[in-house]
Amino acid sequence: MKDYETMLSAARKNLEDQNYKKAAENYSQAAQSAEDDKSRAVVLSELSWALYELKKFDEALEAARKIIKLDADYQAKEDVFRIIGFCLLAKNNEPEALKYLQKSADIDRTSKKQQIALYEILKLHFKSRNYKKAAELIKDIEPYFYQNNQEYWLSILFYKGFVYYYQGELKKSETVFEELLENAKDEKRKASALFGLAFITFSAKEYLKTINLCEAVTSSDPRFFDMETLGFLSAASFFYLGRKDVFQDYYKQLIKQFPGGRYRQELDELHSEISN
């Protein structure tokens, strides 16, 4: 029992100090010294987080999945489901990740530790185009992050703007992207706000503004995460402005860089109008 307590204490100190490798070693030793399954379950729960920080996601999953097998009455099942969800996210298994994160949220959705889980659920609903559920989650978590973590709040504004956009509420969408632009603390955040505004102007058929906004995005962030969409918005805007020569240049570049891209069909349709 003494070895167990010594190793567990050392593990927790190393975890607090972000010495995750040493913490994982200590937790593994504590698990071997534990006298009963309930104690071992507690150790495995904390071990799984250390392994997660080490990016050893398979090992973290293995540890987490043993917890409830060892202790069916484990008191913090929301923590178990959350770490399983995070590990599955890291392994790009999004459907299973959503299932476990939702199980965690069903147990507890109000505590501080659960807000990041809810944020990840929001992102998964957005990615799967479930904008109604995404909107509900934004309403729930935005006040917390506004008060406690501005970086996450700014990220939520990005999703909020696009949720409004895809629900057809363009004025609300524009207002949110302008709020994001006003509060952006760096060029990457500024670029994400300008990106959203480019969708608004394109929908309003304000094609020159769209082109200028797309150029402003790449000026703010030359490595912007969605260059394909920027290229399409610019190409289509030039097409509708009657600059078919510039469209042709964009078309050639886009089909070369993104041969099976998301906009290939639309680009081909526009290109066929020129050919005809």
C-alpha atoms as a PDB file:
ATOM      1  CA  MET A   1       0.000   0.000   0.000  1.00  0.00           C
ATOM      2  CA  LYS A   2       2.896   2.325   0.769  1.00  0.00           C
ATOM      3  CA  ASP A   3       4.370   1.817  -2.719  1.00  0.00           C
ATOM      4  CA  TYR A   4       0.959   2.577  -4.216  1.00  0.00           C
ATOM      5  CA  GLU A   5       0.559   5.833  -2.312  1.00  0.00           C
ATOM      6  CA  THR A   6       4.167   6.874  -3.020  1.00  0.00           C
ATOM      7  CA  MET A   7       3.866   6.202  -6.753  1.00  0.00           C
ATOM      8  CA  LEU A   8       0.441   7.834  -7.002  1.00  0.00           C
ATOM      9  CA  SER A   9       1.671  10.952  -5.216  1.00  0.00           C
ATOM     10  CA  ALA A  10       4.726  11.145  -7.487  1.00  0.00           C
ATOM     11  CA  ALA A  11       2.555  10.602 -10.575  1.00  0.00           C
ATOM     12  CA  ARG A  12       0.202  13.416  -9.638  1.00  0.00           C
ATOM     13  CA  LYS A  13       3.093  15.778  -8.972  1.00  0.00           C
ATOM     14  CA  ASN A  14       4.641  14.968 -12.354  1.00  0.00           C
ATOM     15  CA  LEU A  15       1.269  15.349 -14.085  1.00  0.00           C
ATOM     16  CA  GLU A  16       0.836  18.774 -12.485  1.00  0.00           C
ATOM     17  CA  ASP A  17       4.354  19.715 -13.628  1.00  0.00           C
ATOM     18  CA  GLN A  18       3.500  18.500 -17.167  1.00  0.00           C
ATOM     19  CA  ASN A  19       6.203  15.844 -16.986  1.00  0.00           C
ATOM     20  CA  TYR A  20       3.868  13.417 -18.695  1.00  0.00           C
ATOM     21  CA  LYS A  21       6.408  10.722 -19.490  1.00  0.00           C
ATOM     22  CA  LYS A  22       7.469  10.373 -15.850  1.00  0.00           C
ATOM     23  CA  ALA A  23       3.865  10.670 -14.708  1.00  0.00           C
ATOM     24  CA  ALA A  24       2.859   7.767 -16.971  1.00  0.00           C
ATOM     25  CA  GLU A  25       5.679   5.647 -15.565  1.00  0.00           C
ATOM     26  CA  ASN A  26       4.617   6.429 -11.987  1.00  0.00           C
ATOM     27  CA  TYR A  27       0.944   5.722 -12.724  1.00  0.00           C
ATOM     28  CA  SER A  28       1.848   2.371 -14.302  1.00  0.00           C
ATOM     29  CA  GLN A  29       3.796   1.457 -11.161  1.00  0.00           C
ATOM     30  CA  ALA A  30       0.928   2.592  -8.951  1.00  0.00           C
ATOM     31  CA  ALA A  31      -1.526   0.458 -10.946  1.00  0.00           C
ATOM     32  CA  GLN A  32       0.625  -2.606 -10.357  1.00  0.00           C
ATOM     33  CA  SER A  33       0.758  -1.860  -6.610  1.00  0.00           C
ATOM     34  CA  ALA A  34      -2.965  -1.154  -6.186  1.00  0.00           C
ATOM     35  CA  GLU A  35      -4.665  -3.552  -3.768  1.00  0.00           C
ATOM     36  CA  ASP A  36      -8.139  -3.516  -5.325  1.00  0.00           C
ATOM     37  CA  ASP A  37      -9.878  -2.784  -8.620  1.00  0.00           C
ATOM     38  CA  LYS A  38     -11.452   0.478  -7.443  1.00  0.00           C
ATOM     39  CA  SER A  39      -8.020   1.914  -6.647  1.00  0.00           C
ATOM     40  CA  ARG A  40      -6.655   0.601  -9.921  1.00  0.00           C
ATOM     41  CA  ALA A  41      -9.532   2.268 -11.807  1.00  0.00           C
ATOM     42  CA  VAL A  42      -8.627   5.652 -10.293  1.00  0.00           C
ATOM     43  CA  VAL A  43      -5.011   5.212 -11.376  1.00  0.00           C
ATOM     44  CA  LEU A  44      -5.973   4.211 -14.915  1.00  0.00           C
ATOM     45  CA  SER A  45      -8.205   7.253 -15.225  1.00  0.00           C
ATOM     46  CA  GLU A  46      -5.330   9.599 -14.448  1.00  0.00           C
ATOM     47  CA  LEU A  47      -2.893   7.504 -16.474  1.00  0.00           C
ATOM     48  CA  SER A  48      -5.105   7.839 -19.547  1.00  0.00           C
ATOM     49  CA  TRP A  49      -4.743  11.636 -19.450  1.00  0.00           C
ATOM     50  CA  ALA A  50      -0.960  11.427 -19.160  1.00  0.00           C
ATOM     51  CA  LEU A  51      -0.871   9.065 -22.147  1.00  0.00           C
ATOM     52  CA  TYR A  52      -3.160  11.381 -24.080  1.00  0.00           C
ATOM     53  CA  GLU A  53      -0.769  14.278 -23.514  1.00  0.00           C
ATOM     54  CA  LEU A  54       2.038  12.044 -24.787  1.00  0.00           C
ATOM     55  CA  LYS A  55      -0.065  11.411 -27.922  1.00  0.00           C
ATOM     56  CA  LYS A  56      -0.143   7.698 -27.121  1.00  0.00           C
ATOM     57  CA  PHE A  57      -3.801   7.527 -28.040  1.00  0.00           C
ATOM     58  CA  ASP A  58      -4.148   3.749 -28.379  1.00  0.00           C
ATOM     59  CA  GLU A  59      -2.600   3.210 -24.955  1.00  0.00           C
ATOM     60  CA  ALA A  60      -4.782   5.948 -23.467  1.00  0.00           C
ATOM     61  CA  LEU A  61      -7.885   4.293 -24.951  1.00  0.00           C
ATOM     62  CA  GLU A  62      -6.865   0.918 -23.584  1.00  0.00           C
ATOM     63  CA  ALA A  63      -6.404   2.361 -20.096  1.00  0.00           C
ATOM     64  CA  ALA A  64      -9.674   4.330 -20.200  1.00  0.00           C
ATOM     65  CA  ARG A  65     -11.748   1.386 -21.401  1.00  0.00           C
ATOM     66  CA  LYS A  66     -10.560  -0.758 -18.502  1.00  0.00           C
ATOM     67  CA  ILE A  67     -11.816   1.698 -15.892  1.00  0.00           C
ATOM     68  CA  ILE A  68     -15.513   0.853 -15.856  1.00  0.00           C
ATOM     69  CA  LYS A  69     -14.707  -2.851 -16.274  1.00  0.00           C
ATOM     70  CA  LEU A  70     -12.763  -2.609 -13.017  1.00  0.00           C
ATOM     71  CA  ASP A  71     -15.343  -0.433 -11.265  1.00  0.00           C
ATOM     72  CA  ALA A  72     -18.880  -0.448 -12.646  1.00  0.00           C
ATOM     73  CA  ASP A  73     -19.828   2.253 -10.122  1.00  0.00           C
ATOM     74  CA  TYR A  74     -16.958   4.570 -11.009  1.00  0.00           C
ATOM     75  CA  GLN A  75     -18.038   8.025  -9.871  1.00  0.00           C
ATOM     76  CA  ALA A  76     -16.601  10.096 -12.715  1.00  0.00           C
ATOM     77  CA  LYS A  77     -17.807   8.269 -15.800  1.00  0.00           C
ATOM     78  CA  GLU A  78     -18.108  11.588 -17.635  1.00  0.00           C
ATOM     79  CA  ASP A  79     -14.310  11.885 -17.379  1.00  0.00           C
ATOM     80  CA  VAL A  80     -13.867   8.390 -18.802  1.00  0.00           C
ATOM     81  CA  PHE A  81     -16.179   9.061 -21.731  1.00  0.00           C
ATOM     82  CA  ARG A  82     -14.523  12.432 -22.350  1.00  0.00           C
ATOM     83  CA  ILE A  83     -10.987  11.041 -22.583  1.00  0.00           C
ATOM     84  CA  ILE A  84     -12.208   8.230 -24.838  1.00  0.00           C
ATOM     85  CA  GLY A  85     -13.885  10.848 -27.037  1.00  0.00           C
ATOM     86  CA  PHE A  86     -10.754  12.992 -27.203  1.00  0.00           C
ATOM     87  CA  CYS A  87      -8.583   9.994 -28.101  1.00  0.00           C
ATOM     88  CA  LEU A  88     -10.984   8.948 -30.845  1.00  0.00           C
ATOM     89  CA  LEU A  89     -10.940  12.501 -32.189  1.00  0.00           C
ATOM     90  CA  ALA A  90      -7.153  12.357 -32.302  1.00  0.00           C
ATOM     91  CA  LYS A  91      -7.439   9.117 -34.282  1.00  0.00           C
ATOM     92  CA  ASN A  92      -9.936  10.769 -36.697  1.00  0.00           C
ATOM     93  CA  ASN A  93     -12.761   8.441 -35.697  1.00  0.00           C
ATOM     94  CA  GLU A  94     -15.307  11.233 -35.556  1.00  0.00           C
ATOM     95  CA  PRO A  95     -18.571   9.235 -35.349  1.00  0.00           C
ATOM     96  CA  GLU A  96     -17.351   7.248 -32.327  1.00  0.00           C
ATOM     97  CA  ALA A  97     -15.806  10.359 -30.802  1.00  0.00           C
ATOM     98  CA  LEU A  98     -19.162  12.153 -31.003  1.00  0.00           C
ATOM     99  CA  LYS A  99     -20.888   9.197 -29.365  1.00  0.00           C
ATOM    100  CA  TYR A 100     -18.570   9.209 -26.357  1.00  0.00           C
ATOM    101  CA  LEU A 101     -18.402  12.970 -25.985  1.00  0.00           C
ATOM    102  CA  GLN A 102     -22.204  13.068 -26.022  1.00  0.00           C
ATOM    103  CA  LYS A 103     -22.322  10.345 -23.357  1.00  0.00           C
ATOM    104  CA  SER A 104     -20.011  12.502 -21.260  1.00  0.00           C
ATOM    105  CA  ALA A 105     -22.170  15.579 -21.799  1.00  0.00           C
ATOM    106  CA  ASP A 106     -25.333  13.654 -20.938  1.00  0.00           C
ATOM    107  CA  ILE A 107     -23.900  13.058 -17.460  1.00  0.00           C
ATOM    108  CA  ASP A 108     -22.556  16.586 -16.932  1.00  0.00           C
ATOM    109  CA  ARG A 109     -22.802  19.589 -19.253  1.00  0.00           C
ATOM    110  CA  THR A 110     -22.501  22.437 -16.744  1.00  0.00           C
ATOM    111  CA  SER A 111     -19.138  22.048 -15.031  1.00  0.00           C
ATOM    112  CA  LYS A 112     -16.065  23.905 -16.213  1.00  0.00           C
ATOM    113  CA  LYS A 113     -14.237  20.740 -17.258  1.00  0.00           C
ATOM    114  CA  GLN A 114     -17.041  19.783 -19.647  1.00  0.00           C
ATOM    115  CA  GLN A 115     -17.118  22.972 -21.696  1.00  0.00           C
ATOM    116  CA  ILE A 116     -14.276  21.867 -23.976  1.00  0.00           C
ATOM    117  CA  ALA A 117     -16.125  18.600 -24.605  1.00  0.00           C
ATOM    118  CA  LEU A 118     -19.217  20.591 -25.613  1.00  0.00           C
ATOM    119  CA  TYR A 119     -17.061  22.749 -27.875  1.00  0.00           C
ATOM    120  CA  GLU A 120     -15.753  19.624 -29.620  1.00  0.00           C
ATOM    121  CA  ILE A 121     -19.322  18.338 -30.011  1.00  0.00           C
ATOM    122  CA  LEU A 122     -20.230  21.685 -31.605  1.00  0.00           C
ATOM    123  CA  LYS A 123     -17.400  21.293 -34.123  1.00  0.00           C
ATOM    124  CA  LEU A 124     -18.479  17.746 -34.986  1.00  0.00           C
ATOM    125  CA  HIS A 125     -22.098  18.793 -35.543  1.00  0.00           C
ATOM    126  CA  PHE A 126     -20.921  21.684 -37.706  1.00  0.00           C
ATOM    127  CA  LYS A 127     -18.687  19.416 -39.763  1.00  0.00           C
ATOM    128  CA  SER A 128     -21.576  16.994 -40.334  1.00  0.00           C
ATOM    129  CA  ARG A 129     -23.804  19.968 -41.333  1.00  0.00           C
ATOM    130  CA  ASN A 130     -26.150  19.513 -38.398  1.00  0.00           C
ATOM    131  CA  TYR A 131     -26.503  23.262 -38.026  1.00  0.00           C
ATOM    132  CA  LYS A 132     -29.540  23.113 -35.754  1.00  0.00           C
ATOM    133  CA  LYS A 133     -27.655  21.193 -33.064  1.00  0.00           C
ATOM    134  CA  ALA A 134     -24.568  23.333 -33.618  1.00  0.00           C
ATOM    135  CA  ALA A 135     -26.659  26.463 -33.020  1.00  0.00           C
ATOM    136  CA  GLU A 136     -28.093  25.012 -29.805  1.00  0.00           C
ATOM    137  CA  LEU A 137     -24.613  24.276 -28.476  1.00  0.00           C
ATOM    138  CA  ILE A 138     -23.322  27.729 -29.401  1.00  0.00           C
ATOM    139  CA  LYS A 139     -26.141  29.246 -27.368  1.00  0.00           C
ATOM    140  CA  ASP A 140     -25.168  27.055 -24.398  1.00  0.00           C
ATOM    141  CA  ILE A 141     -21.403  27.524 -24.361  1.00  0.00           C
ATOM    142  CA  GLU A 142     -20.729  30.964 -25.836  1.00  0.00           C
ATOM    143  CA  PRO A 143     -21.373  32.857 -22.546  1.00  0.00           C
ATOM    144  CA  TYR A 144     -18.904  30.658 -20.663  1.00  0.00           C
ATOM    145  CA  PHE A 145     -16.089  31.109 -23.168  1.00  0.00           C
ATOM    146  CA  TYR A 146     -16.786  34.828 -23.553  1.00  0.00           C
ATOM    147  CA  GLN A 147     -16.176  35.183 -19.825  1.00  0.00           C
ATOM    148  CA  ASN A 148     -13.339  32.683 -19.411  1.00  0.00           C
ATOM    149  CA  ASN A 149     -11.430  32.053 -22.649  1.00  0.00           C
ATOM    150  CA  GLN A 150     -11.385  34.638 -25.406  1.00  0.00           C
ATOM    151  CA  GLU A 151      -9.523  32.411 -27.870  1.00  0.00           C
ATOM    152  CA  TYR A 152     -12.230  29.756 -27.727  1.00  0.00           C
ATOM    153  CA  TRP A 153     -14.896  32.467 -27.874  1.00  0.00           C
ATOM    154  CA  LEU A 154     -13.414  33.849 -31.095  1.00  0.00           C
ATOM    155  CA  SER A 155     -13.386  30.350 -32.544  1.00  0.00           C
ATOM    156  CA  ILE A 156     -17.041  29.943 -31.573  1.00  0.00           C
ATOM    157  CA  LEU A 157     -17.837  33.213 -33.388  1.00  0.00           C
ATOM    158  CA  PHE A 158     -16.370  31.708 -36.556  1.00  0.00           C
ATOM    159  CA  TYR A 159     -18.696  28.693 -36.312  1.00  0.00           C
ATOM    160  CA  LYS A 160     -21.617  30.895 -35.278  1.00  0.00           C
ATOM    161  CA  GLY A 161     -21.185  33.082 -38.337  1.00  0.00           C
ATOM    162  CA  PHE A 162     -21.244  30.095 -40.673  1.00  0.00           C
ATOM    163  CA  VAL A 163     -24.152  28.442 -38.848  1.00  0.00           C
ATOM    164  CA  TYR A 164     -26.201  31.580 -39.504  1.00  0.00           C
ATOM    165  CA  TYR A 165     -24.946  31.644 -43.103  1.00  0.00           C
ATOM    166  CA  TYR A 166     -25.951  28.063 -43.852  1.00  0.00           C
ATOM    167  CA  GLN A 167     -29.309  28.613 -42.178  1.00  0.00           C
ATOM    168  CA  GLY A 168     -29.926  31.487 -44.595  1.00  0.00           C
ATOM    169  CA  GLU A 169     -29.678  34.258 -41.983  1.00  0.00           C
ATOM    170  CA  LEU A 170     -27.130  36.328 -43.892  1.00  0.00           C
ATOM    171  CA  LYS A 171     -27.535  39.574 -41.979  1.00  0.00           C
ATOM    172  CA  LYS A 172     -26.918  37.845 -38.646  1.00  0.00           C
ATOM    173  CA  SER A 173     -24.003  36.015 -40.207  1.00  0.00           C
ATOM    174  CA  GLU A 174     -22.468  39.280 -41.417  1.00  0.00           C
ATOM    175  CA  THR A 175     -22.878  40.839 -37.969  1.00  0.00           C
ATOM    176  CA  VAL A 176     -21.070  37.927 -36.322  1.00  0.00           C
ATOM    177  CA  PHE A 177     -18.170  37.984 -38.782  1.00  0.00           C
ATOM    178  CA  GLU A 178     -17.817  41.731 -38.253  1.00  0.00           C
ATOM    179  CA  GLU A 179     -17.718  41.116 -34.500  1.00  0.00           C
ATOM    180  CA  LEU A 180     -15.022  38.497 -35.040  1.00  0.00           C
ATOM    181  CA  LEU A 181     -13.033  40.936 -37.190  1.00  0.00           C
ATOM    182  CA  GLU A 182     -13.360  43.671 -34.574  1.00  0.00           C
ATOM    183  CA  ASN A 183     -12.109  41.374 -31.799  1.00  0.00           C
ATOM    184  CA  ALA A 184      -9.425  39.517 -33.780  1.00  0.00           C
ATOM    185  CA  LYS A 185      -6.131  39.608 -31.904  1.00  0.00           C
ATOM    186  CA  ASP A 186      -3.928  38.301 -34.714  1.00  0.00           C
ATOM    187  CA  GLU A 187      -3.780  38.013 -38.491  1.00  0.00           C
ATOM    188  CA  LYS A 188      -5.068  34.426 -38.584  1.00  0.00           C
ATOM    189  CA  ARG A 189      -8.228  35.390 -36.723  1.00  0.00           C
ATOM    190  CA  LYS A 190      -8.606  38.418 -38.964  1.00  0.00           C
ATOM    191  CA  ALA A 191      -8.312  36.158 -42.005  1.00  0.00           C
ATOM    192  CA  SER A 192     -11.053  33.838 -40.726  1.00  0.00           C
ATOM    193  CA  ALA A 193     -13.413  36.804 -40.268  1.00  0.00           C
ATOM    194  CA  LEU A 194     -12.653  38.139 -43.752  1.00  0.00           C
ATOM    195  CA  PHE A 195     -13.246  34.648 -45.140  1.00  0.00           C
ATOM    196  CA  GLY A 196     -16.739  34.621 -43.661  1.00  0.00           C
ATOM    197  CA  LEU A 197     -17.473  38.073 -45.036  1.00  0.00           C
ATOM    198  CA  ALA A 198     -16.388  36.886 -48.503  1.00  0.00           C
ATOM    199  CA  PHE A 199     -19.215  34.333 -48.415  1.00  0.00           C
ATOM    200  CA  ILE A 200     -21.670  37.106 -47.567  1.00  0.00           C
ATOM    201  CA  THR A 201     -20.571  39.371 -50.418  1.00  0.00           C
ATOM    202  CA  PHE A 202     -20.505  36.495 -52.894  1.00  0.00           C
ATOM    203  CA  SER A 203     -24.090  35.572 -51.941  1.00  0.00           C
ATOM    204  CA  ALA A 204     -25.041  39.234 -52.429  1.00  0.00           C
ATOM    205  CA  LYS A 205     -23.406  39.139 -55.894  1.00  0.00           C
ATOM    206  CA  GLU A 206     -20.940  41.817 -54.815  1.00  0.00           C
ATOM    207  CA  TYR A 207     -18.161  40.173 -56.764  1.00  0.00           C
ATOM    208  CA  LEU A 208     -15.535  42.912 -56.656  1.00  0.00           C
ATOM    209  CA  LYS A 209     -15.849  43.031 -52.864  1.00  0.00           C
ATOM    210  CA  THR A 210     -15.509  39.251 -52.788  1.00  0.00           C
ATOM    211  CA  ILE A 211     -12.281  39.360 -54.769  1.00  0.00           C
ATOM    212  CA  ASN A 212     -10.876  42.066 -52.503  1.00  0.00           C
ATOM    213  CA  LEU A 213     -11.824  40.112 -49.390  1.00  0.00           C
ATOM    214  CA  CYS A 214     -10.215  36.924 -50.725  1.00  0.00           C
ATOM    215  CA  GLU A 215      -7.026  38.857 -51.422  1.00  0.00           C
ATOM    216  CA  ALA A 216      -7.181  40.317 -47.901  1.00  0.00           C
ATOM    217  CA  VAL A 217      -7.462  36.810 -46.452  1.00  0.00           C
ATOM    218  CA  THR A 218      -4.273  35.599 -48.124  1.00  0.00           C
ATOM    219  CA  SER A 219      -2.534  38.846 -47.236  1.00  0.00           C
ATOM    220  CA  SER A 220      -3.377  38.289 -43.574  1.00  0.00           C
ATOM    221  CA  ASP A 221      -2.642  34.557 -43.639  1.00  0.00           C
ATOM    222  CA  PRO A 222      -0.625  33.265 -46.623  1.00  0.00           C
ATOM    223  CA  ARG A 223      -1.110  29.692 -45.337  1.00  0.00           C
ATOM    224  CA  PHE A 224      -4.866  29.985 -44.911  1.00  0.00           C
ATOM    225  CA  PHE A 225      -6.526  26.645 -44.201  1.00  0.00           C
ATOM    226  CA  ASP A 226      -8.965  26.699 -47.145  1.00  0.00           C
ATOM    227  CA  MET A 227      -7.173  28.010 -50.205  1.00  0.00           C
ATOM    228  CA  GLU A 228      -9.451  25.937 -52.434  1.00  0.00           C
ATOM    229  CA  THR A 229     -12.537  27.901 -51.417  1.00  0.00           C
ATOM    230  CA  LEU A 230     -10.722  31.211 -51.746  1.00  0.00           C
ATOM    231  CA  GLY A 231      -9.692  30.203 -55.254  1.00  0.00           C
ATOM    232  CA  PHE A 232     -13.222  29.231 -56.199  1.00  0.00           C
ATOM    233  CA  LEU A 233     -14.795  32.420 -54.820  1.00  0.00           C
ATOM    234  CA  SER A 234     -12.252  34.513 -56.714  1.00  0.00           C
ATOM    235  CA  ALA A 235     -12.597  32.501 -59.931  1.00  0.00           C
ATOM    236  CA  ALA A 236     -16.387  32.617 -59.929  1.00  0.00           C
ATOM    237  CA  SER A 237     -16.382  36.322 -59.073  1.00  0.00           C
ATOM    238  CA  PHE A 238     -14.150  37.113 -62.043  1.00  0.00           C
ATOM    239  CA  PHE A 239     -16.439  34.996 -64.234  1.00  0.00           C
ATOM    240  CA  TYR A 240     -19.553  36.918 -63.192  1.00  0.00           C
ATOM    241  CA  LEU A 241     -17.734  40.222 -63.629  1.00  0.00           C
ATOM    242  CA  GLY A 242     -17.117  39.254 -67.233  1.00  0.00           C
ATOM    243  CA  ARG A 243     -13.382  38.699 -66.812  1.00  0.00           C
ATOM    244  CA  LYS A 244     -13.410  35.311 -68.496  1.00  0.00           C
ATOM    245  CA  ASP A 245      -9.674  35.548 -69.197  1.00  0.00           C
ATOM    246  CA  VAL A 246      -8.861  35.777 -65.489  1.00  0.00           C
ATOM    247  CA  PHE A 247     -11.374  33.025 -64.753  1.00  0.00           C
ATOM    248  CA  GLN A 248      -9.569  30.793 -67.237  1.00  0.00           C
ATOM    249  CA  ASP A 249      -6.288  31.300 -65.364  1.00  0.00           C
ATOM    250  CA  TYR A 250      -7.930  30.456 -62.033  1.00  0.00           C
ATOM    251  CA  TYR A 251      -9.680  27.456 -63.582  1.00  0.00           C
ATOM    252  CA  LYS A 252      -6.449  25.951 -64.877  1.00  0.00           C
ATOM    253  CA  GLN A 253      -4.708  26.500 -61.559  1.00  0.00           C
ATOM    254  CA  LEU A 254      -7.558  25.091 -59.467  1.00  0.00           C
ATOM    255  CA  ILE A 255      -8.115  21.908 -61.473  1.00  0.00           C
ATOM    256  CA  LYS A 256      -4.369  21.292 -61.422  1.00  0.00           C
ATOM    257  CA  GLN A 257      -4.058  21.841 -57.681  1.00  0.00           C
ATOM    258  CA  PHE A 258      -7.410  20.265 -56.710  1.00  0.00           C
ATOM    259  CA  PRO A 259      -8.287  17.817 -59.521  1.00  0.00           C
ATOM    260  CA  GLY A 260     -11.027  16.138 -57.519  1.00  0.00           C
ATOM    261  CA  GLY A 261     -11.896  19.214 -55.521  1.00  0.00           C
ATOM    262  CA  ARG A 262     -15.169  20.229 -53.928  1.00  0.00           C
ATOM    263  CA  TYR A 263     -15.877  22.850 -56.609  1.00  0.00           C
ATOM    264  CA  ARG A 264     -14.839  20.900 -59.693  1.00  0.00           C
ATOM    265  CA  GLN A 265     -18.362  20.443 -61.010  1.00  0.00           C
ATOM    266  CA  GLU A 266     -19.251  24.123 -60.587  1.00  0.00           C
ATOM    267  CA  LEU A 267     -15.982  25.199 -62.166  1.00  0.00           C
ATOM    268  CA  ASP A 268     -16.526  22.883 -65.125  1.00  0.00           C
ATOM    269  CA  GLU A 269     -20.037  24.228 -65.621  1.00  0.00           C
ATOM    270  CA  LEU A 270     -18.773  27.813 -65.704  1.00  0.00           C
ATOM    271  CA  HIS A 271     -15.955  26.813 -68.016  1.00  0.00           C
ATOM    272  CA  SER A 272     -18.373  25.100 -70.376  1.00  0.00           C
ATOM    273  CA  GLU A 273     -20.325  28.369 -70.738  1.00  0.00           C
ATOM    274  CA  ILE A 274     -17.172  29.998 -72.072  1.00  0.00           C
ATOM    275  CA  SER A 275     -16.494  27.107 -74.440  1.00  0.00           C
ATOM    276  CA  ASN A 276     -20.014  27.269 -75.795  1.00  0.00           C
END
